[in-house]
Amino acid sequence: MIYKVYYQETKERNPKREQTQSIYVEADNEEMVHNLLRDNTPYNVEYIQLLEGNHLEYEKENADFKLAEF
């Protein structure tokens, strides 16, 4: 499954909506996404969204869609 993860680049500052970024991660479940990001990045994860169906197709066509590799 593919997830879109909204995050802040560091855990040291208070989150600001204007600085929220996103990446795409392929994993079996949301817990695996949390574990991958916790173990491999300094990111402060705000939200993890499952992408499927039309929403996934839209993201692939209209965003900078590239799966993150860890």
N, C-alpha and C. Protein backbone atom coordinates (compact mmCIF):
# COMPACT_ATOMS: atom_id res chain seq x y z
N MET A 1 0.83 -1.16 0.00
CA MET A 1 0.00 0.00 0.00
C MET A 1 0.89 1.24 0.00
N ILE A 2 0.36 2.31 -0.52
CA ILE A 2 1.12 3.55 -0.60
C ILE A 2 0.49 4.58 0.32
N TYR A 3 1.35 5.23 1.10
CA TYR A 3 0.91 6.24 2.06
C TYR A 3 1.55 7.58 1.73
N LYS A 4 0.80 8.64 1.95
CA LYS A 4 1.33 9.99 1.86
C LYS A 4 1.55 10.47 3.29
N VAL A 5 2.78 10.89 3.57
CA VAL A 5 3.14 11.28 4.92
C VAL A 5 3.41 12.78 4.95
N TYR A 6 2.71 13.47 5.83
CA TYR A 6 2.93 14.90 6.05
C TYR A 6 3.84 15.03 7.26
N TYR A 7 4.88 15.85 7.14
CA TYR A 7 5.86 15.92 8.21
C TYR A 7 6.54 17.28 8.28
N GLN A 8 7.20 17.52 9.40
CA GLN A 8 8.10 18.64 9.59
C GLN A 8 9.51 18.05 9.56
N GLU A 9 10.48 18.80 9.07
CA GLU A 9 11.82 18.25 8.91
C GLU A 9 12.54 17.97 10.22
N THR A 10 12.12 18.59 11.29
CA THR A 10 12.80 18.37 12.56
C THR A 10 11.80 18.30 13.70
N LYS A 11 12.17 17.59 14.75
CA LYS A 11 11.32 17.50 15.94
C LYS A 11 11.64 18.60 16.93
N GLU A 12 12.65 19.40 16.64
CA GLU A 12 13.13 20.39 17.59
C GLU A 12 12.34 21.69 17.59
N ARG A 13 11.64 21.99 16.51
CA ARG A 13 10.85 23.23 16.43
C ARG A 13 9.37 22.91 16.48
N ASN A 14 8.60 23.90 16.88
CA ASN A 14 7.15 23.73 16.84
C ASN A 14 6.68 23.61 15.40
N PRO A 15 5.73 22.71 15.12
CA PRO A 15 5.23 22.56 13.76
C PRO A 15 4.53 23.83 13.27
N LYS A 16 4.78 24.16 12.01
CA LYS A 16 4.09 25.27 11.35
C LYS A 16 3.52 24.75 10.05
N ARG A 17 2.27 25.01 9.83
CA ARG A 17 1.60 24.50 8.63
C ARG A 17 2.33 24.89 7.35
N GLU A 18 2.88 26.09 7.33
CA GLU A 18 3.56 26.58 6.13
C GLU A 18 4.83 25.78 5.82
N GLN A 19 5.36 25.07 6.80
CA GLN A 19 6.59 24.32 6.60
C GLN A 19 6.35 22.82 6.47
N THR A 20 5.10 22.42 6.42
CA THR A 20 4.78 21.00 6.27
C THR A 20 5.17 20.52 4.88
N GLN A 21 5.83 19.37 4.86
CA GLN A 21 6.23 18.75 3.60
C GLN A 21 5.59 17.38 3.52
N SER A 22 5.73 16.72 2.36
CA SER A 22 5.15 15.39 2.23
C SER A 22 6.06 14.48 1.43
N ILE A 23 5.97 13.19 1.75
CA ILE A 23 6.66 12.15 0.98
C ILE A 23 5.70 10.98 0.82
N TYR A 24 6.03 10.10 -0.10
CA TYR A 24 5.23 8.92 -0.35
C TYR A 24 6.04 7.69 0.06
N VAL A 25 5.38 6.80 0.81
CA VAL A 25 6.06 5.62 1.34
C VAL A 25 5.22 4.39 1.03
N GLU A 26 5.89 3.33 0.59
CA GLU A 26 5.21 2.06 0.36
C GLU A 26 5.48 1.15 1.55
N ALA A 27 4.41 0.65 2.17
CA ALA A 27 4.53 -0.24 3.32
C ALA A 27 3.26 -1.06 3.45
N ASP A 28 3.34 -2.10 4.28
CA ASP A 28 2.19 -2.98 4.46
C ASP A 28 1.10 -2.36 5.33
N ASN A 29 1.50 -1.48 6.27
CA ASN A 29 0.52 -0.85 7.14
C ASN A 29 1.08 0.44 7.71
N GLU A 30 0.23 1.18 8.40
CA GLU A 30 0.61 2.50 8.92
C GLU A 30 1.71 2.39 9.99
N GLU A 31 1.67 1.33 10.77
CA GLU A 31 2.69 1.13 11.80
C GLU A 31 4.08 0.98 11.18
N MET A 32 4.16 0.28 10.07
CA MET A 32 5.44 0.13 9.38
C MET A 32 5.96 1.48 8.88
N VAL A 33 5.07 2.33 8.43
CA VAL A 33 5.46 3.67 7.98
C VAL A 33 6.05 4.44 9.15
N HIS A 34 5.37 4.41 10.29
CA HIS A 34 5.89 5.09 11.49
C HIS A 34 7.28 4.57 11.84
N ASN A 35 7.44 3.25 11.84
CA ASN A 35 8.73 2.65 12.19
C ASN A 35 9.83 3.04 11.22
N LEU A 36 9.53 3.02 9.92
CA LEU A 36 10.52 3.41 8.91
C LEU A 36 10.99 4.84 9.11
N LEU A 37 10.05 5.73 9.32
CA LEU A 37 10.40 7.14 9.48
C LEU A 37 11.11 7.41 10.80
N ARG A 38 10.68 6.76 11.86
CA ARG A 38 11.32 6.94 13.16
C ARG A 38 12.77 6.45 13.12
N ASP A 39 13.01 5.33 12.47
CA ASP A 39 14.34 4.72 12.45
C ASP A 39 15.29 5.35 11.43
N ASN A 40 14.76 6.01 10.40
CA ASN A 40 15.60 6.48 9.29
C ASN A 40 15.61 7.98 9.04
N THR A 41 14.80 8.74 9.77
CA THR A 41 14.73 10.18 9.53
C THR A 41 14.61 10.94 10.85
N PRO A 42 14.89 12.24 10.83
CA PRO A 42 14.66 13.08 12.01
C PRO A 42 13.28 13.74 11.96
N TYR A 43 12.40 13.30 11.06
CA TYR A 43 11.14 13.97 10.81
C TYR A 43 10.17 13.88 11.97
N ASN A 44 9.36 14.91 12.09
CA ASN A 44 8.23 14.95 13.01
C ASN A 44 6.99 14.66 12.17
N VAL A 45 6.48 13.45 12.24
CA VAL A 45 5.34 13.04 11.42
C VAL A 45 4.06 13.67 11.96
N GLU A 46 3.33 14.34 11.08
CA GLU A 46 2.07 14.96 11.46
C GLU A 46 0.88 14.07 11.13
N TYR A 47 0.90 13.46 9.95
CA TYR A 47 -0.27 12.71 9.50
C TYR A 47 0.16 11.70 8.44
N ILE A 48 -0.43 10.52 8.49
CA ILE A 48 -0.18 9.48 7.49
C ILE A 48 -1.51 9.16 6.84
N GLN A 49 -1.54 9.27 5.51
CA GLN A 49 -2.78 9.07 4.76
C GLN A 49 -2.60 7.94 3.76
N LEU A 50 -3.48 6.96 3.83
CA LEU A 50 -3.48 5.87 2.87
C LEU A 50 -4.00 6.38 1.53
N LEU A 51 -3.27 6.09 0.45
CA LEU A 51 -3.71 6.48 -0.88
C LEU A 51 -4.16 5.23 -1.63
N GLU A 52 -5.35 5.29 -2.20
CA GLU A 52 -5.85 4.18 -3.00
C GLU A 52 -6.86 4.68 -4.01
N GLY A 53 -7.10 3.88 -5.02
CA GLY A 53 -8.10 4.21 -6.03
C GLY A 53 -7.82 5.50 -6.77
N ASN A 54 -8.87 6.28 -6.96
CA ASN A 54 -8.76 7.54 -7.71
C ASN A 54 -7.81 8.53 -7.05
N HIS A 55 -7.77 8.54 -5.72
CA HIS A 55 -6.89 9.47 -5.02
C HIS A 55 -5.42 9.15 -5.33
N LEU A 56 -5.07 7.88 -5.36
CA LEU A 56 -3.70 7.48 -5.70
C LEU A 56 -3.37 7.86 -7.14
N GLU A 57 -4.29 7.62 -8.05
CA GLU A 57 -4.06 7.98 -9.45
C GLU A 57 -3.88 9.48 -9.61
N TYR A 58 -4.67 10.26 -8.90
CA TYR A 58 -4.54 11.72 -8.94
C TYR A 58 -3.15 12.15 -8.47
N GLU A 59 -2.71 11.61 -7.35
CA GLU A 59 -1.39 11.96 -6.81
C GLU A 59 -0.29 11.60 -7.80
N LYS A 60 -0.39 10.46 -8.43
CA LYS A 60 0.62 10.03 -9.40
C LYS A 60 0.69 10.97 -10.60
N GLU A 61 -0.44 11.52 -11.02
CA GLU A 61 -0.49 12.38 -12.19
C GLU A 61 -0.19 13.84 -11.90
N ASN A 62 -0.53 14.32 -10.71
CA ASN A 62 -0.51 15.75 -10.46
C ASN A 62 0.47 16.23 -9.40
N ALA A 63 1.17 15.36 -8.77
CA ALA A 63 2.11 15.78 -7.72
C ALA A 63 3.51 15.30 -8.08
N ASP A 64 4.48 15.70 -7.27
CA ASP A 64 5.83 15.16 -7.42
C ASP A 64 5.86 13.78 -6.81
N PHE A 65 5.26 12.84 -7.51
CA PHE A 65 5.10 11.50 -6.96
C PHE A 65 6.38 10.71 -7.15
N LYS A 66 7.01 10.39 -6.03
CA LYS A 66 8.20 9.55 -6.04
C LYS A 66 8.23 8.84 -4.71
N LEU A 67 8.30 7.51 -4.74
CA LEU A 67 8.33 6.75 -3.51
C LEU A 67 9.67 6.93 -2.81
N ALA A 68 9.62 7.17 -1.52
CA ALA A 68 10.84 7.30 -0.72
C ALA A 68 11.44 5.92 -0.52
N GLU A 69 12.76 5.87 -0.50
CA GLU A 69 13.45 4.59 -0.27
C GLU A 69 14.26 4.69 1.02
N PHE A 70 14.12 3.67 1.86
CA PHE A 70 14.85 3.64 3.12
C PHE A 70 15.74 2.42 3.18
